[in-house]
């Protein structure tokens, strides 16, 4: 009988979590690198679209002002 023999028949299971194992550390490193690359690549596209945001907001603001003006001139509010 060896020193590591379990008399109750249970198999040995590692007590550490996945994130502290070698595979978990590799996964964490890969996720950090992938996240950094995705952030830098998408940042350029998002910042390029932000230039057009005020121009795209003009029709929306105009439509809202027209609706508010129509509601304010409504005879129902004067009562």
PDB file of N, CA and C in Angstrom:
ATOM      1  N   UNK A   1       0.846  -1.169   0.000  1.00  0.00           N
ATOM      2  CA  UNK A   1       0.000   0.000   0.000  1.00  0.00           C
ATOM      3  C   UNK A   1       0.897   1.240   0.000  1.00  0.00           C
ATOM      4  N   UNK A   2       0.616   2.187  -0.895  1.00  0.00           N
ATOM      5  CA  UNK A   2       1.452   3.377  -0.969  1.00  0.00           C
ATOM      6  C   UNK A   2       0.961   4.434   0.005  1.00  0.00           C
ATOM      7  N   UNK A   3       1.764   5.460   0.166  1.00  0.00           N
ATOM      8  CA  UNK A   3       1.400   6.530   1.099  1.00  0.00           C
ATOM      9  C   UNK A   3       0.214   7.349   0.594  1.00  0.00           C
ATOM     10  N   UNK A   4      -0.011   7.373  -0.706  1.00  0.00           N
ATOM     11  CA  UNK A   4      -1.074   8.180  -1.283  1.00  0.00           C
ATOM     12  C   UNK A   4      -2.341   7.371  -1.559  1.00  0.00           C
ATOM     13  N   UNK A   5      -2.399   6.173  -1.069  1.00  0.00           N
ATOM     14  CA  UNK A   5      -3.567   5.339  -1.308  1.00  0.00           C
ATOM     15  C   UNK A   5      -4.714   5.803  -0.407  1.00  0.00           C
ATOM     16  N   UNK A   6      -5.871   5.981  -1.005  1.00  0.00           N
ATOM     17  CA  UNK A   6      -7.052   6.406  -0.253  1.00  0.00           C
ATOM     18  C   UNK A   6      -7.878   5.176   0.081  1.00  0.00           C
ATOM     19  N   UNK A   7      -8.186   5.010   1.318  1.00  0.00           N
ATOM     20  CA  UNK A   7      -8.921   3.819   1.727  1.00  0.00           C
ATOM     21  C   UNK A   7     -10.407   3.921   1.408  1.00  0.00           C
ATOM     22  N   UNK A   8     -10.929   5.150   1.256  1.00  0.00           N
ATOM     23  CA  UNK A   8     -12.361   5.280   0.994  1.00  0.00           C
ATOM     24  C   UNK A   8     -12.689   5.274  -0.501  1.00  0.00           C
ATOM     25  N   UNK A   9     -11.732   5.166  -1.365  1.00  0.00           N
ATOM     26  CA  UNK A   9     -11.983   5.042  -2.792  1.00  0.00           C
ATOM     27  C   UNK A   9     -12.122   6.360  -3.530  1.00  0.00           C
ATOM     28  N   UNK A  10     -11.935   7.488  -2.875  1.00  0.00           N
ATOM     29  CA  UNK A  10     -12.044   8.780  -3.552  1.00  0.00           C
ATOM     30  C   UNK A  10     -10.798   9.034  -4.386  1.00  0.00           C
ATOM     31  N   UNK A  11     -10.988   9.645  -5.534  1.00  0.00           N
ATOM     32  CA  UNK A  11      -9.849   9.988  -6.371  1.00  0.00           C
ATOM     33  C   UNK A  11      -9.306  11.350  -5.944  1.00  0.00           C
ATOM     34  N   UNK A  12      -8.045  11.573  -6.241  1.00  0.00           N
ATOM     35  CA  UNK A  12      -7.438  12.857  -5.885  1.00  0.00           C
ATOM     36  C   UNK A  12      -7.958  13.945  -6.804  1.00  0.00           C
ATOM     37  N   UNK A  13      -8.386  15.034  -6.243  1.00  0.00           N
ATOM     38  CA  UNK A  13      -8.825  16.182  -7.021  1.00  0.00           C
ATOM     39  C   UNK A  13      -8.005  17.380  -6.591  1.00  0.00           C
ATOM     40  N   UNK A  14      -7.601  18.212  -7.545  1.00  0.00           N
ATOM     41  CA  UNK A  14      -6.843  19.407  -7.163  1.00  0.00           C
ATOM     42  C   UNK A  14      -7.726  20.368  -6.382  1.00  0.00           C
ATOM     43  N   UNK A  15      -7.150  20.981  -5.383  1.00  0.00           N
ATOM     44  CA  UNK A  15      -7.909  21.873  -4.524  1.00  0.00           C
ATOM     45  C   UNK A  15      -7.878  23.315  -4.994  1.00  0.00           C
ATOM     46  N   UNK A  16      -7.017  23.658  -5.961  1.00  0.00           N
ATOM     47  CA  UNK A  16      -6.946  25.020  -6.476  1.00  0.00           C
ATOM     48  C   UNK A  16      -8.033  25.284  -7.505  1.00  0.00           C
ATOM     49  N   UNK A  17      -8.289  26.529  -7.759  1.00  0.00           N
ATOM     50  CA  UNK A  17      -9.295  26.870  -8.759  1.00  0.00           C
ATOM     51  C   UNK A  17      -8.667  26.867 -10.156  1.00  0.00           C
ATOM     52  N   UNK A  18      -9.513  26.986 -11.169  1.00  0.00           N
ATOM     53  CA  UNK A  18      -9.027  26.982 -12.552  1.00  0.00           C
ATOM     54  C   UNK A  18      -8.128  28.189 -12.820  1.00  0.00           C
ATOM     55  N   UNK A  19      -8.471  29.344 -12.259  1.00  0.00           N
ATOM     56  CA  UNK A  19      -7.718  30.559 -12.557  1.00  0.00           C
ATOM     57  C   UNK A  19      -6.314  30.542 -11.966  1.00  0.00           C
ATOM     58  N   UNK A  20      -6.060  29.707 -10.979  1.00  0.00           N
ATOM     59  CA  UNK A  20      -4.707  29.629 -10.423  1.00  0.00           C
ATOM     60  C   UNK A  20      -3.904  28.494 -11.040  1.00  0.00           C
ATOM     61  N   UNK A  21      -4.509  27.687 -11.902  1.00  0.00           N
ATOM     62  CA  UNK A  21      -3.778  26.621 -12.572  1.00  0.00           C
ATOM     63  C   UNK A  21      -2.973  27.203 -13.734  1.00  0.00           C
ATOM     64  N   UNK A  22      -2.132  26.379 -14.306  1.00  0.00           N
ATOM     65  CA  UNK A  22      -1.305  26.826 -15.433  1.00  0.00           C
ATOM     66  C   UNK A  22      -2.180  27.213 -16.622  1.00  0.00           C
ATOM     67  N   UNK A  23      -3.191  26.414 -16.921  1.00  0.00           N
ATOM     68  CA  UNK A  23      -4.085  26.719 -18.034  1.00  0.00           C
ATOM     69  C   UNK A  23      -4.880  27.994 -17.750  1.00  0.00           C
ATOM     70  N   UNK A  24      -5.266  28.192 -16.511  1.00  0.00           N
ATOM     71  CA  UNK A  24      -5.998  29.403 -16.150  1.00  0.00           C
ATOM     72  C   UNK A  24      -5.149  30.646 -16.310  1.00  0.00           C
ATOM     73  N   UNK A  25      -3.893  30.567 -15.917  1.00  0.00           N
ATOM     74  CA  UNK A  25      -2.995  31.720 -16.073  1.00  0.00           C
ATOM     75  C   UNK A  25      -2.744  32.031 -17.548  1.00  0.00           C
ATOM     76  N   UNK A  26      -2.624  31.000 -18.373  1.00  0.00           N
ATOM     77  CA  UNK A  26      -2.471  31.209 -19.821  1.00  0.00           C
ATOM     78  C   UNK A  26      -3.727  31.871 -20.381  1.00  0.00           C
ATOM     79  N   UNK A  27      -4.892  31.401 -19.931  1.00  0.00           N
ATOM     80  CA  UNK A  27      -6.148  31.996 -20.387  1.00  0.00           C
ATOM     81  C   UNK A  27      -6.246  33.458 -19.973  1.00  0.00           C
ATOM     82  N   UNK A  28      -5.873  33.779 -18.739  1.00  0.00           N
ATOM     83  CA  UNK A  28      -5.914  35.169 -18.263  1.00  0.00           C
ATOM     84  C   UNK A  28      -4.988  36.043 -19.095  1.00  0.00           C
ATOM     85  N   UNK A  29      -3.771  35.552 -19.378  1.00  0.00           N
ATOM     86  CA  UNK A  29      -2.839  36.310 -20.204  1.00  0.00           C
ATOM     87  C   UNK A  29      -3.378  36.536 -21.608  1.00  0.00           C
ATOM     88  N   UNK A  30      -3.965  35.499 -22.194  1.00  0.00           N
ATOM     89  CA  UNK A  30      -4.548  35.631 -23.528  1.00  0.00           C
ATOM     90  C   UNK A  30      -5.704  36.616 -23.516  1.00  0.00           C
ATOM     91  N   UNK A  31      -6.548  36.561 -22.487  1.00  0.00           N
ATOM     92  CA  UNK A  31      -7.704  37.459 -22.408  1.00  0.00           C
ATOM     93  C   UNK A  31      -7.258  38.908 -22.253  1.00  0.00           C
ATOM     94  N   UNK A  32      -6.211  39.150 -21.494  1.00  0.00           N
ATOM     95  CA  UNK A  32      -5.714  40.515 -21.327  1.00  0.00           C
ATOM     96  C   UNK A  32      -5.168  41.058 -22.646  1.00  0.00           C
ATOM     97  N   UNK A  33      -4.384  40.250 -23.336  1.00  0.00           N
ATOM     98  CA  UNK A  33      -3.818  40.680 -24.616  1.00  0.00           C
ATOM     99  C   UNK A  33      -4.927  40.896 -25.648  1.00  0.00           C
ATOM    100  N   UNK A  34      -5.888  39.972 -25.720  1.00  0.00           N
ATOM    101  CA  UNK A  34      -6.994  40.110 -26.676  1.00  0.00           C
ATOM    102  C   UNK A  34      -7.847  41.334 -26.350  1.00  0.00           C
ATOM    103  N   UNK A  35      -8.095  41.568 -25.074  1.00  0.00           N
ATOM    104  CA  UNK A  35      -8.880  42.738 -24.676  1.00  0.00           C
ATOM    105  C   UNK A  35      -8.184  44.036 -25.034  1.00  0.00           C
ATOM    106  N   UNK A  36      -6.864  44.094 -24.821  1.00  0.00           N
ATOM    107  CA  UNK A  36      -6.124  45.303 -25.158  1.00  0.00           C
ATOM    108  C   UNK A  36      -6.144  45.558 -26.662  1.00  0.00           C
ATOM    109  N   UNK A  37      -5.972  44.509 -27.446  1.00  0.00           N
ATOM    110  CA  UNK A  37      -5.989  44.679 -28.901  1.00  0.00           C
ATOM    111  C   UNK A  37      -7.376  45.085 -29.399  1.00  0.00           C
ATOM    112  N   UNK A  38      -8.414  44.474 -28.863  1.00  0.00           N
ATOM    113  CA  UNK A  38      -9.770  44.843 -29.270  1.00  0.00           C
ATOM    114  C   UNK A  38     -10.082  46.287 -28.895  1.00  0.00           C
ATOM    115  N   UNK A  39      -9.651  46.698 -27.707  1.00  0.00           N
ATOM    116  CA  UNK A  39      -9.898  48.065 -27.267  1.00  0.00           C
ATOM    117  C   UNK A  39      -9.206  49.073 -28.176  1.00  0.00           C
ATOM    118  N   UNK A  40      -7.953  48.837 -28.502  1.00  0.00           N
ATOM    119  CA  UNK A  40      -7.224  49.800 -29.331  1.00  0.00           C
ATOM    120  C   UNK A  40      -7.762  49.841 -30.763  1.00  0.00           C
ATOM    121  N   UNK A  41      -8.162  48.695 -31.300  1.00  0.00           N
ATOM    122  CA  UNK A  41      -8.685  48.675 -32.669  1.00  0.00           C
ATOM    123  C   UNK A  41     -10.057  49.329 -32.754  1.00  0.00           C
ATOM    124  N   UNK A  42     -10.924  49.076 -31.813  1.00  0.00           N
ATOM    125  CA  UNK A  42     -12.267  49.625 -31.867  1.00  0.00           C
ATOM    126  C   UNK A  42     -12.304  51.095 -31.455  1.00  0.00           C
ATOM    127  N   UNK A  43     -11.336  51.521 -30.662  1.00  0.00           N
ATOM    128  CA  UNK A  43     -11.284  52.923 -30.250  1.00  0.00           C
ATOM    129  C   UNK A  43     -11.133  53.837 -31.457  1.00  0.00           C
ATOM    130  N   UNK A  44     -10.335  53.438 -32.419  1.00  0.00           N
ATOM    131  CA  UNK A  44     -10.140  54.256 -33.618  1.00  0.00           C
ATOM    132  C   UNK A  44     -11.442  54.406 -34.392  1.00  0.00           C
ATOM    133  N   UNK A  45     -12.225  53.351 -34.483  1.00  0.00           N
ATOM    134  CA  UNK A  45     -13.491  53.421 -35.211  1.00  0.00           C
ATOM    135  C   UNK A  45     -14.518  54.261 -34.463  1.00  0.00           C
ATOM    136  N   UNK A  46     -14.576  54.094 -33.152  1.00  0.00           N
ATOM    137  CA  UNK A  46     -15.556  54.839 -32.354  1.00  0.00           C
ATOM    138  C   UNK A  46     -15.233  56.324 -32.371  1.00  0.00           C
ATOM    139  N   UNK A  47     -13.980  56.670 -32.226  1.00  0.00           N
ATOM    140  CA  UNK A  47     -13.607  58.086 -32.248  1.00  0.00           C
ATOM    141  C   UNK A  47     -13.855  58.700 -33.618  1.00  0.00           C
ATOM    142  N   UNK A  48     -13.716  57.921 -34.665  1.00  0.00           N
ATOM    143  CA  UNK A  48     -14.012  58.423 -36.003  1.00  0.00           C
ATOM    144  C   UNK A  48     -15.494  58.702 -36.192  1.00  0.00           C
ATOM    145  N   UNK A  49     -16.345  57.914 -35.541  1.00  0.00           N
ATOM    146  CA  UNK A  49     -17.792  58.129 -35.644  1.00  0.00           C
ATOM    147  C   UNK A  49     -18.273  59.262 -34.743  1.00  0.00           C
ATOM    148  N   UNK A  50     -17.541  59.558 -33.677  1.00  0.00           N
ATOM    149  CA  UNK A  50     -17.960  60.616 -32.755  1.00  0.00           C
ATOM    150  C   UNK A  50     -17.973  61.987 -33.420  1.00  0.00           C
ATOM    151  N   UNK A  51     -17.181  62.150 -34.466  1.00  0.00           N
ATOM    152  CA  UNK A  51     -17.145  63.424 -35.185  1.00  0.00           C
ATOM    153  C   UNK A  51     -18.508  63.707 -35.814  1.00  0.00           C
ATOM    154  N   UNK A  52     -19.189  62.668 -36.259  1.00  0.00           N
ATOM    155  CA  UNK A  52     -20.473  62.823 -36.948  1.00  0.00           C
ATOM    156  C   UNK A  52     -21.658  62.897 -35.985  1.00  0.00           C
ATOM    157  N   UNK A  53     -21.450  62.660 -34.708  1.00  0.00           N
ATOM    158  CA  UNK A  53     -22.553  62.638 -33.750  1.00  0.00           C
ATOM    159  C   UNK A  53     -23.322  63.952 -33.667  1.00  0.00           C
ATOM    160  N   UNK A  54     -22.685  65.130 -33.581  1.00  0.00           N
ATOM    161  CA  UNK A  54     -23.469  66.371 -33.543  1.00  0.00           C
ATOM    162  C   UNK A  54     -24.284  66.589 -34.823  1.00  0.00           C
ATOM    163  N   UNK A  55     -23.730  66.210 -35.946  1.00  0.00           N
ATOM    164  CA  UNK A  55     -24.456  66.360 -37.196  1.00  0.00           C
ATOM    165  C   UNK A  55     -25.675  65.437 -37.254  1.00  0.00           C
ATOM    166  N   UNK A  56     -25.535  64.231 -36.744  1.00  0.00           N
ATOM    167  CA  UNK A  56     -26.651  63.303 -36.717  1.00  0.00           C
ATOM    168  C   UNK A  56     -27.680  63.687 -35.659  1.00  0.00           C
ATOM    169  N   UNK A  57     -27.287  64.419 -34.641  1.00  0.00           N
ATOM    170  CA  UNK A  57     -28.209  64.829 -33.583  1.00  0.00           C
ATOM    171  C   UNK A  57     -29.101  65.987 -34.021  1.00  0.00           C
ATOM    172  N   UNK A  58     -28.700  66.751 -35.015  1.00  0.00           N
ATOM    173  CA  UNK A  58     -29.481  67.914 -35.450  1.00  0.00           C
ATOM    174  C   UNK A  58     -30.899  67.550 -35.881  1.00  0.00           C
ATOM    175  N   UNK A  59     -31.115  66.557 -36.747  1.00  0.00           N
ATOM    176  CA  UNK A  59     -32.493  66.225 -37.125  1.00  0.00           C
ATOM    177  C   UNK A  59     -33.335  65.740 -35.936  1.00  0.00           C
ATOM    178  N   UNK A  60     -32.729  65.010 -35.028  1.00  0.00           N
ATOM    179  CA  UNK A  60     -33.457  64.519 -33.865  1.00  0.00           C
ATOM    180  C   UNK A  60     -33.881  65.682 -32.977  1.00  0.00           C
ATOM    181  N   UNK A  61     -32.983  66.610 -32.736  1.00  0.00           N
ATOM    182  CA  UNK A  61     -33.312  67.781 -31.917  1.00  0.00           C
ATOM    183  C   UNK A  61     -34.381  68.635 -32.592  1.00  0.00           C
ATOM    184  N   UNK A  62     -34.276  68.799 -33.888  1.00  0.00           N
ATOM    185  CA  UNK A  62     -35.261  69.591 -34.615  1.00  0.00           C
ATOM    186  C   UNK A  62     -36.642  68.949 -34.532  1.00  0.00           C
ATOM    187  N   UNK A  63     -36.718  67.654 -34.707  1.00  0.00           N
ATOM    188  CA  UNK A  63     -37.993  66.946 -34.623  1.00  0.00           C
ATOM    189  C   UNK A  63     -38.602  67.085 -33.229  1.00  0.00           C
ATOM    190  N   UNK A  64     -37.792  66.984 -32.205  1.00  0.00           N
ATOM    191  CA  UNK A  64     -38.303  67.143 -30.837  1.00  0.00           C
ATOM    192  C   UNK A  64     -38.787  68.566 -30.591  1.00  0.00           C
ATOM    193  N   UNK A  65     -38.090  69.551 -31.109  1.00  0.00           N
ATOM    194  CA  UNK A  65     -38.529  70.937 -30.936  1.00  0.00           C
ATOM    195  C   UNK A  65     -39.851  71.191 -31.648  1.00  0.00           C
ATOM    196  N   UNK A  66     -40.032  70.603 -32.814  1.00  0.00           N
ATOM    197  CA  UNK A  66     -41.294  70.763 -33.545  1.00  0.00           C
ATOM    198  C   UNK A  66     -42.435  70.128 -32.756  1.00  0.00           C
ATOM    199  N   UNK A  67     -42.210  68.957 -32.190  1.00  0.00           N
ATOM    200  CA  UNK A  67     -43.250  68.288 -31.410  1.00  0.00           C
ATOM    201  C   UNK A  67     -43.589  69.076 -30.146  1.00  0.00           C
ATOM    202  N   UNK A  68     -42.594  69.597 -29.463  1.00  0.00           N
ATOM    203  CA  UNK A  68     -42.844  70.380 -28.249  1.00  0.00           C
ATOM    204  C   UNK A  68     -43.603  71.651 -28.606  1.00  0.00           C
ATOM    205  N   UNK A  69     -43.239  72.278 -29.706  1.00  0.00           N
ATOM    206  CA  UNK A  69     -43.923  73.492 -30.132  1.00  0.00           C
ATOM    207  C   UNK A  69     -45.382  73.205 -30.463  1.00  0.00           C
ATOM    208  N   UNK A  70     -45.641  72.059 -31.111  1.00  0.00           N
ATOM    209  CA  UNK A  70     -47.021  71.694 -31.445  1.00  0.00           C
ATOM    210  C   UNK A  70     -47.828  71.409 -30.185  1.00  0.00           C
ATOM    211  N   UNK A  71     -47.226  70.820 -29.190  1.00  0.00           N
ATOM    212  CA  UNK A  71     -47.930  70.537 -27.941  1.00  0.00           C
ATOM    213  C   UNK A  71     -48.210  71.830 -27.187  1.00  0.00           C
ATOM    214  N   UNK A  72     -47.277  72.746 -27.211  1.00  0.00           N
ATOM    215  CA  UNK A  72     -47.455  74.012 -26.485  1.00  0.00           C
ATOM    216  C   UNK A  72     -48.557  74.875 -27.122  1.00  0.00           C
ATOM    217  N   UNK A  73     -48.768  74.756 -28.423  1.00  0.00           N
ATOM    218  CA  UNK A  73     -49.807  75.536 -29.107  1.00  0.00           C
ATOM    219  C   UNK A  73     -51.157  74.836 -29.075  1.00  0.00           C
ATOM    220  N   UNK A  74     -51.212  73.678 -28.475  1.00  0.00           N
ATOM    221  CA  UNK A  74     -52.460  72.920 -28.431  1.00  0.00           C
ATOM    222  C   UNK A  74     -53.487  73.630 -27.568  1.00  0.00           C
ATOM    223  N   UNK A  75     -54.753  73.717 -28.018  1.00  0.00           N
ATOM    224  CA  UNK A  75     -55.780  74.390 -27.228  1.00  0.00           C
ATOM    225  C   UNK A  75     -56.128  73.653 -25.947  1.00  0.00           C
ATOM    226  N   UNK A  76     -55.825  72.383 -25.859  1.00  0.00           N
ATOM    227  CA  UNK A  76     -56.120  71.617 -24.652  1.00  0.00           C
ATOM    228  C   UNK A  76     -55.325  72.116 -23.458  1.00  0.00           C
ATOM    229  N   UNK A  77     -54.105  72.593 -23.696  1.00  0.00           N
ATOM    230  CA  UNK A  77     -53.280  73.083 -22.603  1.00  0.00           C
ATOM    231  C   UNK A  77     -53.719  74.441 -22.107  1.00  0.00           C
ATOM    232  N   UNK A  78     -54.432  75.200 -22.918  1.00  0.00           N
ATOM    233  CA  UNK A  78     -54.870  76.529 -22.519  1.00  0.00           C
ATOM    234  C   UNK A  78     -56.035  76.479 -21.534  1.00  0.00           C
ATOM    235  N   UNK A  79     -56.747  75.375 -21.465  1.00  0.00           N
ATOM    236  CA  UNK A  79     -57.925  75.266 -20.596  1.00  0.00           C
ATOM    237  C   UNK A  79     -57.592  75.164 -19.148  1.00  0.00           C
TER     238      UNK A  79
END
